[in-house]
Amino acid sequence: METRIKQVQAANLKVLKAVDHICRKHGIHYLLDAGTLIGAVRHKGFIPWDDDVDIAFMRKDYEHFIKVAKKELPEGIHLWFPSDFSDREAFYDFTPKLIYENSRKKLPDKDTSFYGEELNHICVDIFILDEISENPFSRKMQILINKIIYGMAMGHRRKLDFSKYSFLQKLQVALLAGIGSSIDMKTLIRWERKAALRQKKGKSHLLYYSNYQPDFVHMIVPREGSEQILEVPFEDMTAMIPKGYDRVLTVVYGDYMTLPPKEKRRATHGELDAEGFFVR
């Protein structure tokens, strides 16, 4: 298992280095995010048992990055967008990804074939920071709209897992997914983008991660702490993190500098145990 994690981390590091090279060449800021950000702050590299990489961009930096990355990503790495599945009316999430092609998470099955095997690879998630209103009511409405659109898009998944929801949440998800199943994905993707950009006035001092999953879409951070970056060691490279990293990590994880209990120090995505796994 330890060997597999090191293989996954090595592949993710290749992708991160490619992102870093492109961003520095074009004056773009990216931000390590989630567990990768914890790793940078706490371990100066990967959390030893972490099996993925997450990065974030301010909206303007994201738009700039995807323009240049399509031409400049090295062979074996490509961008994937949620809209790539719209023709087959499939939905995974609203998170663009960088796919490391020379890998496989598990043997093909009904779930992986539903997505054309595209997501059956090691991939780096890309999250986007958009402006959100400073008015508490408007802020709640914006987050609610995001959640409703996500819930409707779930109607285009191969199957829904209701096990993690309360009874009321099950009813809400079933209702939204039922409505969304009759709306084409191109429309839902257009609505998601419109919702993310509805406060694009440059006046608010607050930002949120507009394409996070509903559990974390409430994450609000100061604009200043995300627009300004720090350069920190990460494995054998120097990576960019938000100056306000403490606010981000505290909101999501609480005391992020304390190691979790030993029984929880394990990869969270499950692919490392899967039959058919490989990475080169």
C-alpha atoms as a PDB file:
ATOM      1  CA  MET A   1       0.000   0.000   0.000  1.00  0.00           C
ATOM      2  CA  GLU A   2       2.818   2.386   0.873  1.00  0.00           C
ATOM      3  CA  THR A   3       4.366   1.755  -2.556  1.00  0.00           C
ATOM      4  CA  ARG A   4       1.073   2.555  -4.270  1.00  0.00           C
ATOM      5  CA  ILE A   5       0.676   5.818  -2.368  1.00  0.00           C
ATOM      6  CA  LYS A   6       4.190   6.852  -3.355  1.00  0.00           C
ATOM      7  CA  GLN A   7       3.373   6.050  -7.006  1.00  0.00           C
ATOM      8  CA  VAL A   8       0.205   8.141  -6.835  1.00  0.00           C
ATOM      9  CA  GLN A   9       2.004  11.004  -5.140  1.00  0.00           C
ATOM     10  CA  ALA A  10       4.775  10.908  -7.758  1.00  0.00           C
ATOM     11  CA  ALA A  11       2.185  11.130 -10.549  1.00  0.00           C
ATOM     12  CA  ASN A  12       0.349  13.965  -8.808  1.00  0.00           C
ATOM     13  CA  LEU A  13       3.631  15.794  -8.310  1.00  0.00           C
ATOM     14  CA  LYS A  14       4.301  15.589 -12.069  1.00  0.00           C
ATOM     15  CA  VAL A  15       0.933  17.221 -12.720  1.00  0.00           C
ATOM     16  CA  LEU A  16       1.517  19.876 -10.069  1.00  0.00           C
ATOM     17  CA  LYS A  17       4.937  20.702 -11.515  1.00  0.00           C
ATOM     18  CA  ALA A  18       3.380  21.079 -14.968  1.00  0.00           C
ATOM     19  CA  VAL A  19       0.771  23.480 -13.528  1.00  0.00           C
ATOM     20  CA  ASP A  20       3.442  25.408 -11.657  1.00  0.00           C
ATOM     21  CA  HIS A  21       5.627  25.736 -14.771  1.00  0.00           C
ATOM     22  CA  ILE A  22       2.761  27.028 -16.924  1.00  0.00           C
ATOM     23  CA  CYS A  23       1.559  29.447 -14.248  1.00  0.00           C
ATOM     24  CA  ARG A  24       4.989  30.952 -13.623  1.00  0.00           C
ATOM     25  CA  LYS A  25       5.585  31.306 -17.355  1.00  0.00           C
ATOM     26  CA  HIS A  26       2.346  33.268 -17.802  1.00  0.00           C
ATOM     27  CA  GLY A  27       2.190  35.169 -14.503  1.00  0.00           C
ATOM     28  CA  ILE A  28      -0.756  33.168 -13.163  1.00  0.00           C
ATOM     29  CA  HIS A  29      -1.381  32.481  -9.463  1.00  0.00           C
ATOM     30  CA  TYR A  30      -2.635  29.056  -8.411  1.00  0.00           C
ATOM     31  CA  LEU A  31      -3.280  27.958  -4.817  1.00  0.00           C
ATOM     32  CA  LEU A  32      -2.751  24.598  -3.166  1.00  0.00           C
ATOM     33  CA  ASP A  33      -6.023  23.614  -1.535  1.00  0.00           C
ATOM     34  CA  ALA A  34      -7.620  21.167   0.919  1.00  0.00           C
ATOM     35  CA  GLY A  35      -5.397  18.269   2.028  1.00  0.00           C
ATOM     36  CA  THR A  36      -2.628  19.389  -0.314  1.00  0.00           C
ATOM     37  CA  LEU A  37      -2.570  22.741   1.467  1.00  0.00           C
ATOM     38  CA  ILE A  38      -2.397  20.999   4.848  1.00  0.00           C
ATOM     39  CA  GLY A  39       0.493  18.932   3.501  1.00  0.00           C
ATOM     40  CA  ALA A  40       2.367  22.052   2.409  1.00  0.00           C
ATOM     41  CA  VAL A  41       1.895  23.791   5.761  1.00  0.00           C
ATOM     42  CA  ARG A  42       2.320  20.803   8.076  1.00  0.00           C
ATOM     43  CA  HIS A  43       4.644  18.449   6.165  1.00  0.00           C
ATOM     44  CA  LYS A  44       6.290  20.637   3.503  1.00  0.00           C
ATOM     45  CA  GLY A  45       4.958  18.145   0.993  1.00  0.00           C
ATOM     46  CA  PHE A  46       2.274  15.480   0.784  1.00  0.00           C
ATOM     47  CA  ILE A  47       0.471  14.294   3.863  1.00  0.00           C
ATOM     48  CA  PRO A  48       2.176  10.860   4.027  1.00  0.00           C
ATOM     49  CA  TRP A  49      -1.068   8.949   3.451  1.00  0.00           C
ATOM     50  CA  ASP A  50      -2.746  11.406   1.045  1.00  0.00           C
ATOM     51  CA  ASP A  51      -3.590  10.105  -2.428  1.00  0.00           C
ATOM     52  CA  ASP A  52      -4.626  13.204  -4.378  1.00  0.00           C
ATOM     53  CA  VAL A  53      -3.822  16.855  -5.133  1.00  0.00           C
ATOM     54  CA  ASP A  54      -6.240  19.779  -5.034  1.00  0.00           C
ATOM     55  CA  ILE A  55      -5.546  23.233  -6.424  1.00  0.00           C
ATOM     56  CA  ALA A  56      -7.607  26.418  -6.659  1.00  0.00           C
ATOM     57  CA  PHE A  57      -7.592  29.544  -8.807  1.00  0.00           C
ATOM     58  CA  MET A  58      -9.135  32.962  -8.587  1.00  0.00           C
ATOM     59  CA  ARG A  59     -11.650  33.112 -11.464  1.00  0.00           C
ATOM     60  CA  LYS A  60      -9.522  35.416 -13.644  1.00  0.00           C
ATOM     61  CA  ASP A  61      -6.461  33.204 -13.125  1.00  0.00           C
ATOM     62  CA  TYR A  62      -8.503  30.083 -13.900  1.00  0.00           C
ATOM     63  CA  GLU A  63      -9.757  31.499 -17.191  1.00  0.00           C
ATOM     64  CA  HIS A  64      -6.195  32.488 -18.137  1.00  0.00           C
ATOM     65  CA  PHE A  65      -4.810  29.089 -17.125  1.00  0.00           C
ATOM     66  CA  ILE A  66      -7.222  26.988 -19.170  1.00  0.00           C
ATOM     67  CA  LYS A  67      -6.490  29.057 -22.286  1.00  0.00           C
ATOM     68  CA  VAL A  68      -2.756  28.453 -22.148  1.00  0.00           C
ATOM     69  CA  ALA A  69      -2.814  24.988 -20.548  1.00  0.00           C
ATOM     70  CA  LYS A  70      -4.689  23.425 -23.450  1.00  0.00           C
ATOM     71  CA  LYS A  71      -1.647  24.141 -25.619  1.00  0.00           C
ATOM     72  CA  GLU A  72       1.155  23.785 -23.089  1.00  0.00           C
ATOM     73  CA  LEU A  73       0.365  20.797 -20.897  1.00  0.00           C
ATOM     74  CA  PRO A  74       2.954  18.046 -21.470  1.00  0.00           C
ATOM     75  CA  GLU A  75       2.063  14.818 -23.240  1.00  0.00           C
ATOM     76  CA  GLY A  76       0.174  12.445 -20.972  1.00  0.00           C
ATOM     77  CA  ILE A  77      -1.715  15.171 -19.061  1.00  0.00           C
ATOM     78  CA  HIS A  78      -4.895  16.836 -20.268  1.00  0.00           C
ATOM     79  CA  LEU A  79      -7.713  19.028 -18.998  1.00  0.00           C
ATOM     80  CA  TRP A  80     -11.173  17.588 -18.416  1.00  0.00           C
ATOM     81  CA  PHE A  81     -14.282  19.726 -17.941  1.00  0.00           C
ATOM     82  CA  PRO A  82     -17.762  18.804 -16.648  1.00  0.00           C
ATOM     83  CA  SER A  83     -19.130  19.869 -20.046  1.00  0.00           C
ATOM     84  CA  ASP A  84     -17.180  17.002 -21.656  1.00  0.00           C
ATOM     85  CA  PHE A  85     -19.938  14.676 -20.411  1.00  0.00           C
ATOM     86  CA  SER A  86     -22.878  16.844 -21.448  1.00  0.00           C
ATOM     87  CA  ASP A  87     -23.346  15.051 -24.782  1.00  0.00           C
ATOM     88  CA  ARG A  88     -23.927  11.769 -22.965  1.00  0.00           C
ATOM     89  CA  GLU A  89     -26.007  13.506 -20.274  1.00  0.00           C
ATOM     90  CA  ALA A  90     -23.719  12.324 -17.465  1.00  0.00           C
ATOM     91  CA  PHE A  91     -22.709  14.207 -14.322  1.00  0.00           C
ATOM     92  CA  TYR A  92     -19.881  13.585 -11.875  1.00  0.00           C
ATOM     93  CA  ASP A  93     -19.324  17.032 -10.370  1.00  0.00           C
ATOM     94  CA  PHE A  94     -18.671  20.645 -11.431  1.00  0.00           C
ATOM     95  CA  THR A  95     -14.924  20.376 -10.833  1.00  0.00           C
ATOM     96  CA  PRO A  96     -12.524  20.584 -13.798  1.00  0.00           C
ATOM     97  CA  LYS A  97      -9.660  18.128 -13.549  1.00  0.00           C
ATOM     98  CA  LEU A  98      -6.168  17.519 -14.838  1.00  0.00           C
ATOM     99  CA  ILE A  99      -6.015  13.888 -15.962  1.00  0.00           C
ATOM    100  CA  TYR A 100      -2.816  11.860 -15.616  1.00  0.00           C
ATOM    101  CA  GLU A 101      -3.376   9.502 -18.527  1.00  0.00           C
ATOM    102  CA  ASN A 102      -0.830   6.790 -17.752  1.00  0.00           C
ATOM    103  CA  SER A 103      -2.774   5.452 -14.789  1.00  0.00           C
ATOM    104  CA  ARG A 104      -5.878   3.508 -13.873  1.00  0.00           C
ATOM    105  CA  LYS A 105      -7.724   3.514 -10.573  1.00  0.00           C
ATOM    106  CA  LYS A 106      -9.507   0.193 -10.971  1.00  0.00           C
ATOM    107  CA  LEU A 107     -10.638  -2.362 -13.520  1.00  0.00           C
ATOM    108  CA  PRO A 108     -13.354  -1.037 -15.840  1.00  0.00           C
ATOM    109  CA  ASP A 109     -16.890  -1.651 -14.626  1.00  0.00           C
ATOM    110  CA  LYS A 110     -20.373  -0.193 -15.131  1.00  0.00           C
ATOM    111  CA  ASP A 111     -19.525   2.942 -13.139  1.00  0.00           C
ATOM    112  CA  THR A 112     -16.280   3.708 -14.968  1.00  0.00           C
ATOM    113  CA  SER A 113     -17.772   2.956 -18.396  1.00  0.00           C
ATOM    114  CA  PHE A 114     -20.668   5.330 -17.656  1.00  0.00           C
ATOM    115  CA  TYR A 115     -18.038   8.073 -17.670  1.00  0.00           C
ATOM    116  CA  GLY A 116     -16.192   6.650 -20.653  1.00  0.00           C
ATOM    117  CA  GLU A 117     -13.223   5.628 -18.430  1.00  0.00           C
ATOM    118  CA  GLU A 118     -12.171   9.294 -18.468  1.00  0.00           C
ATOM    119  CA  LEU A 119     -12.242   9.644 -14.693  1.00  0.00           C
ATOM    120  CA  ASN A 120     -10.759   6.202 -14.059  1.00  0.00           C
ATOM    121  CA  HIS A 121      -7.348   7.890 -13.864  1.00  0.00           C
ATOM    122  CA  ILE A 122      -5.369   9.780 -11.277  1.00  0.00           C
ATOM    123  CA  CYS A 123      -6.537  13.385 -11.547  1.00  0.00           C
ATOM    124  CA  VAL A 124      -5.970  16.746  -9.892  1.00  0.00           C
ATOM    125  CA  ASP A 125      -9.120  18.679  -8.961  1.00  0.00           C
ATOM    126  CA  ILE A 126      -9.358  22.372  -9.858  1.00  0.00           C
ATOM    127  CA  PHE A 127     -11.511  24.587  -7.632  1.00  0.00           C
ATOM    128  CA  ILE A 128     -12.518  28.129  -8.480  1.00  0.00           C
ATOM    129  CA  LEU A 129     -12.792  31.152  -6.182  1.00  0.00           C
ATOM    130  CA  ASP A 130     -15.605  33.527  -7.117  1.00  0.00           C
ATOM    131  CA  GLU A 131     -16.948  36.683  -5.544  1.00  0.00           C
ATOM    132  CA  ILE A 132     -19.838  36.409  -3.090  1.00  0.00           C
ATOM    133  CA  SER A 133     -21.999  39.126  -1.552  1.00  0.00           C
ATOM    134  CA  GLU A 134     -21.089  40.682   1.791  1.00  0.00           C
ATOM    135  CA  ASN A 135     -24.814  40.870   2.586  1.00  0.00           C
ATOM    136  CA  PRO A 136     -25.665  37.818   4.774  1.00  0.00           C
ATOM    137  CA  PHE A 137     -29.059  37.193   3.133  1.00  0.00           C
ATOM    138  CA  SER A 138     -27.708  37.517  -0.420  1.00  0.00           C
ATOM    139  CA  ARG A 139     -24.823  35.258   0.532  1.00  0.00           C
ATOM    140  CA  LYS A 140     -27.155  32.544   1.823  1.00  0.00           C
ATOM    141  CA  MET A 141     -29.271  32.788  -1.324  1.00  0.00           C
ATOM    142  CA  GLN A 142     -26.230  32.441  -3.558  1.00  0.00           C
ATOM    143  CA  ILE A 143     -25.080  29.327  -1.710  1.00  0.00           C
ATOM    144  CA  LEU A 144     -28.619  27.900  -1.803  1.00  0.00           C
ATOM    145  CA  ILE A 145     -28.779  28.396  -5.580  1.00  0.00           C
ATOM    146  CA  ASN A 146     -25.481  26.547  -5.956  1.00  0.00           C
ATOM    147  CA  LYS A 147     -26.788  23.642  -3.895  1.00  0.00           C
ATOM    148  CA  ILE A 148     -30.056  23.452  -5.832  1.00  0.00           C
ATOM    149  CA  ILE A 149     -28.261  23.327  -9.193  1.00  0.00           C
ATOM    150  CA  TYR A 150     -25.873  20.667  -7.901  1.00  0.00           C
ATOM    151  CA  GLY A 151     -28.802  18.625  -6.598  1.00  0.00           C
ATOM    152  CA  MET A 152     -30.550  18.789  -9.975  1.00  0.00           C
ATOM    153  CA  ALA A 153     -27.349  17.771 -11.762  1.00  0.00           C
ATOM    154  CA  MET A 154     -27.207  14.673  -9.550  1.00  0.00           C
ATOM    155  CA  GLY A 155     -30.174  13.437 -11.546  1.00  0.00           C
ATOM    156  CA  HIS A 156     -27.657  12.678 -14.297  1.00  0.00           C
ATOM    157  CA  ARG A 157     -25.467  10.380 -12.219  1.00  0.00           C
ATOM    158  CA  ARG A 158     -25.509   6.651 -12.907  1.00  0.00           C
ATOM    159  CA  LYS A 159     -26.861   6.054  -9.409  1.00  0.00           C
ATOM    160  CA  LEU A 160     -27.369   7.971  -6.179  1.00  0.00           C
ATOM    161  CA  ASP A 161     -25.958   6.942  -2.816  1.00  0.00           C
ATOM    162  CA  PHE A 162     -28.446   8.010  -0.155  1.00  0.00           C
ATOM    163  CA  SER A 163     -26.614   6.325   2.729  1.00  0.00           C
ATOM    164  CA  LYS A 164     -24.870   9.503   3.940  1.00  0.00           C
ATOM    165  CA  TYR A 165     -28.049  11.624   4.067  1.00  0.00           C
ATOM    166  CA  SER A 166     -30.581  12.219   6.809  1.00  0.00           C
ATOM    167  CA  PHE A 167     -34.227  11.445   6.050  1.00  0.00           C
ATOM    168  CA  LEU A 168     -34.988  15.067   5.141  1.00  0.00           C
ATOM    169  CA  GLN A 169     -31.881  15.312   2.972  1.00  0.00           C
ATOM    170  CA  LYS A 170     -32.871  12.124   1.140  1.00  0.00           C
ATOM    171  CA  LEU A 171     -36.208  13.716   0.254  1.00  0.00           C
ATOM    172  CA  GLN A 172     -34.500  16.918  -0.906  1.00  0.00           C
ATOM    173  CA  VAL A 173     -31.916  15.085  -3.042  1.00  0.00           C
ATOM    174  CA  ALA A 174     -34.545  12.781  -4.559  1.00  0.00           C
ATOM    175  CA  LEU A 175     -36.774  15.742  -5.439  1.00  0.00           C
ATOM    176  CA  LEU A 176     -33.979  17.849  -6.960  1.00  0.00           C
ATOM    177  CA  ALA A 177     -32.464  14.914  -8.841  1.00  0.00           C
ATOM    178  CA  GLY A 178     -35.896  13.978 -10.172  1.00  0.00           C
ATOM    179  CA  ILE A 179     -36.441  17.496 -11.497  1.00  0.00           C
ATOM    180  CA  GLY A 180     -32.895  17.742 -12.845  1.00  0.00           C
ATOM    181  CA  SER A 181     -33.091  14.462 -14.744  1.00  0.00           C
ATOM    182  CA  SER A 182     -35.501  16.136 -17.184  1.00  0.00           C
ATOM    183  CA  ILE A 183     -33.150  19.124 -17.745  1.00  0.00           C
ATOM    184  CA  ASP A 184     -30.245  18.642 -20.128  1.00  0.00           C
ATOM    185  CA  MET A 185     -26.709  18.910 -18.722  1.00  0.00           C
ATOM    186  CA  LYS A 186     -25.713  21.753 -21.041  1.00  0.00           C
ATOM    187  CA  THR A 187     -28.413  23.871 -19.429  1.00  0.00           C
ATOM    188  CA  LEU A 188     -27.410  22.866 -15.900  1.00  0.00           C
ATOM    189  CA  ILE A 189     -23.751  23.644 -16.618  1.00  0.00           C
ATOM    190  CA  ARG A 190     -24.764  27.031 -17.995  1.00  0.00           C
ATOM    191  CA  TRP A 191     -26.831  27.701 -14.866  1.00  0.00           C
ATOM    192  CA  GLU A 192     -23.936  26.674 -12.618  1.00  0.00           C
ATOM    193  CA  ARG A 193     -21.580  29.106 -14.322  1.00  0.00           C
ATOM    194  CA  LYS A 194     -24.171  31.892 -14.243  1.00  0.00           C
ATOM    195  CA  ALA A 195     -24.735  31.315 -10.510  1.00  0.00           C
ATOM    196  CA  ALA A 196     -20.997  31.350  -9.818  1.00  0.00           C
ATOM    197  CA  LEU A 197     -20.594  34.666 -11.647  1.00  0.00           C
ATOM    198  CA  ARG A 198     -23.737  36.424 -10.386  1.00  0.00           C
ATOM    199  CA  GLN A 199     -21.721  38.687  -8.028  1.00  0.00           C
ATOM    200  CA  LYS A 200     -18.964  39.506 -10.522  1.00  0.00           C
ATOM    201  CA  LYS A 201     -18.723  43.216  -9.674  1.00  0.00           C
ATOM    202  CA  GLY A 202     -15.283  43.380  -8.079  1.00  0.00           C
ATOM    203  CA  LYS A 203     -16.715  45.166  -5.044  1.00  0.00           C
ATOM    204  CA  SER A 204     -17.092  42.409  -2.453  1.00  0.00           C
ATOM    205  CA  HIS A 205     -14.243  41.614  -0.076  1.00  0.00           C
ATOM    206  CA  LEU A 206     -15.455  38.021   0.209  1.00  0.00           C
ATOM    207  CA  LEU A 207     -14.908  34.971  -1.992  1.00  0.00           C
ATOM    208  CA  TYR A 208     -16.194  31.399  -2.001  1.00  0.00           C
ATOM    209  CA  TYR A 209     -15.287  28.145  -3.713  1.00  0.00           C
ATOM    210  CA  SER A 210     -18.144  28.100  -6.190  1.00  0.00           C
ATOM    211  CA  ASN A 211     -17.575  24.577  -7.533  1.00  0.00           C
ATOM    212  CA  TYR A 212     -17.006  22.804  -4.226  1.00  0.00           C
ATOM    213  CA  GLN A 213     -19.411  20.005  -3.400  1.00  0.00           C
ATOM    214  CA  PRO A 214     -22.510  21.170  -1.455  1.00  0.00           C
ATOM    215  CA  ASP A 215     -20.974  20.080   1.877  1.00  0.00           C
ATOM    216  CA  PHE A 216     -18.282  22.763   1.586  1.00  0.00           C
ATOM    217  CA  VAL A 217     -19.740  25.403  -0.762  1.00  0.00           C
ATOM    218  CA  HIS A 218     -20.378  27.544   2.347  1.00  0.00           C
ATOM    219  CA  MET A 219     -16.603  28.139   2.638  1.00  0.00           C
ATOM    220  CA  ILE A 220     -16.212  31.937   2.690  1.00  0.00           C
ATOM    221  CA  VAL A 221     -12.748  33.546   2.688  1.00  0.00           C
ATOM    222  CA  PRO A 222     -11.457  37.144   2.571  1.00  0.00           C
ATOM    223  CA  ARG A 223     -10.465  38.289  -0.908  1.00  0.00           C
ATOM    224  CA  GLU A 224      -7.173  39.711   0.333  1.00  0.00           C
ATOM    225  CA  GLY A 225      -6.054  36.409   1.857  1.00  0.00           C
ATOM    226  CA  SER A 226      -6.619  34.569  -1.423  1.00  0.00           C
ATOM    227  CA  GLU A 227      -5.372  37.136  -3.932  1.00  0.00           C
ATOM    228  CA  GLN A 228      -2.031  37.344  -2.151  1.00  0.00           C
ATOM    229  CA  ILE A 229       0.178  34.257  -2.214  1.00  0.00           C
ATOM    230  CA  LEU A 230       3.030  32.767  -0.234  1.00  0.00           C
ATOM    231  CA  GLU A 231       5.743  30.572  -1.743  1.00  0.00           C
ATOM    232  CA  VAL A 232       6.429  27.461   0.337  1.00  0.00           C
ATOM    233  CA  PRO A 233       8.437  24.243  -0.015  1.00  0.00           C
ATOM    234  CA  PHE A 234       6.469  21.275  -1.320  1.00  0.00           C
ATOM    235  CA  GLU A 235       8.447  18.052  -1.787  1.00  0.00           C
ATOM    236  CA  ASP A 236      11.275  19.054  -4.157  1.00  0.00           C
ATOM    237  CA  MET A 237       9.606  22.174  -5.563  1.00  0.00           C
ATOM    238  CA  THR A 238       8.288  25.545  -4.430  1.00  0.00           C
ATOM    239  CA  ALA A 239       4.511  25.899  -4.578  1.00  0.00           C
ATOM    240  CA  MET A 240       1.971  28.694  -4.159  1.00  0.00           C
ATOM    241  CA  ILE A 241      -0.474  28.851  -1.265  1.00  0.00           C
ATOM    242  CA  PRO A 242      -2.936  31.584  -0.204  1.00  0.00           C
ATOM    243  CA  LYS A 243      -1.614  34.099   2.306  1.00  0.00           C
ATOM    244  CA  GLY A 244      -4.826  33.488   4.257  1.00  0.00           C
ATOM    245  CA  TYR A 245      -4.303  29.717   4.426  1.00  0.00           C
ATOM    246  CA  ASP A 246      -5.038  29.572   8.163  1.00  0.00           C
ATOM    247  CA  ARG A 247      -8.615  30.829   7.655  1.00  0.00           C
ATOM    248  CA  VAL A 248      -9.250  28.319   4.876  1.00  0.00           C
ATOM    249  CA  LEU A 249      -7.904  25.331   6.769  1.00  0.00           C
ATOM    250  CA  THR A 250      -9.459  26.260  10.124  1.00  0.00           C
ATOM    251  CA  VAL A 251     -12.945  26.622   8.629  1.00  0.00           C
ATOM    252  CA  VAL A 252     -12.777  23.199   6.963  1.00  0.00           C
ATOM    253  CA  TYR A 253     -10.605  21.154   9.313  1.00  0.00           C
ATOM    254  CA  GLY A 254     -10.419  22.931  12.666  1.00  0.00           C
ATOM    255  CA  ASP A 255      -7.063  22.183  14.326  1.00  0.00           C
ATOM    256  CA  TYR A 256      -5.309  21.178  11.119  1.00  0.00           C
ATOM    257  CA  MET A 257      -1.814  21.094  12.646  1.00  0.00           C
ATOM    258  CA  THR A 258      -2.665  18.165  14.928  1.00  0.00           C
ATOM    259  CA  LEU A 259      -2.259  14.752  13.312  1.00  0.00           C
ATOM    260  CA  PRO A 260      -5.405  12.600  13.224  1.00  0.00           C
ATOM    261  CA  PRO A 261      -5.517   9.309  15.199  1.00  0.00           C
ATOM    262  CA  LYS A 262      -3.453   6.511  13.636  1.00  0.00           C
ATOM    263  CA  GLU A 263      -6.547   4.610  12.500  1.00  0.00           C
ATOM    264  CA  LYS A 264      -7.574   7.606  10.360  1.00  0.00           C
ATOM    265  CA  ARG A 265      -4.194   8.054   8.691  1.00  0.00           C
ATOM    266  CA  ARG A 266      -5.160   6.393   5.437  1.00  0.00           C
ATOM    267  CA  ALA A 267      -5.987   7.260   1.854  1.00  0.00           C
ATOM    268  CA  THR A 268      -9.566   8.488   1.567  1.00  0.00           C
ATOM    269  CA  HIS A 269     -10.511   7.703  -2.040  1.00  0.00           C
ATOM    270  CA  GLY A 270     -10.344   3.902  -1.946  1.00  0.00           C
ATOM    271  CA  GLU A 271      -8.734   3.361  -5.336  1.00  0.00           C
ATOM    272  CA  LEU A 272      -5.456   2.141  -3.839  1.00  0.00           C
ATOM    273  CA  ASP A 273      -7.170  -1.085  -2.764  1.00  0.00           C
ATOM    274  CA  ALA A 274      -8.829  -1.641  -6.137  1.00  0.00           C
ATOM    275  CA  GLU A 275      -8.025  -4.505  -8.467  1.00  0.00           C
ATOM    276  CA  GLY A 276      -6.533  -3.335 -11.749  1.00  0.00           C
ATOM    277  CA  PHE A 277      -4.851  -0.261 -10.260  1.00  0.00           C
ATOM    278  CA  PHE A 278      -1.708   0.930 -12.003  1.00  0.00           C
ATOM    279  CA  VAL A 279       0.333   4.093 -12.481  1.00  0.00           C
ATOM    280  CA  ARG A 280       3.505   4.747 -14.457  1.00  0.00           C
END
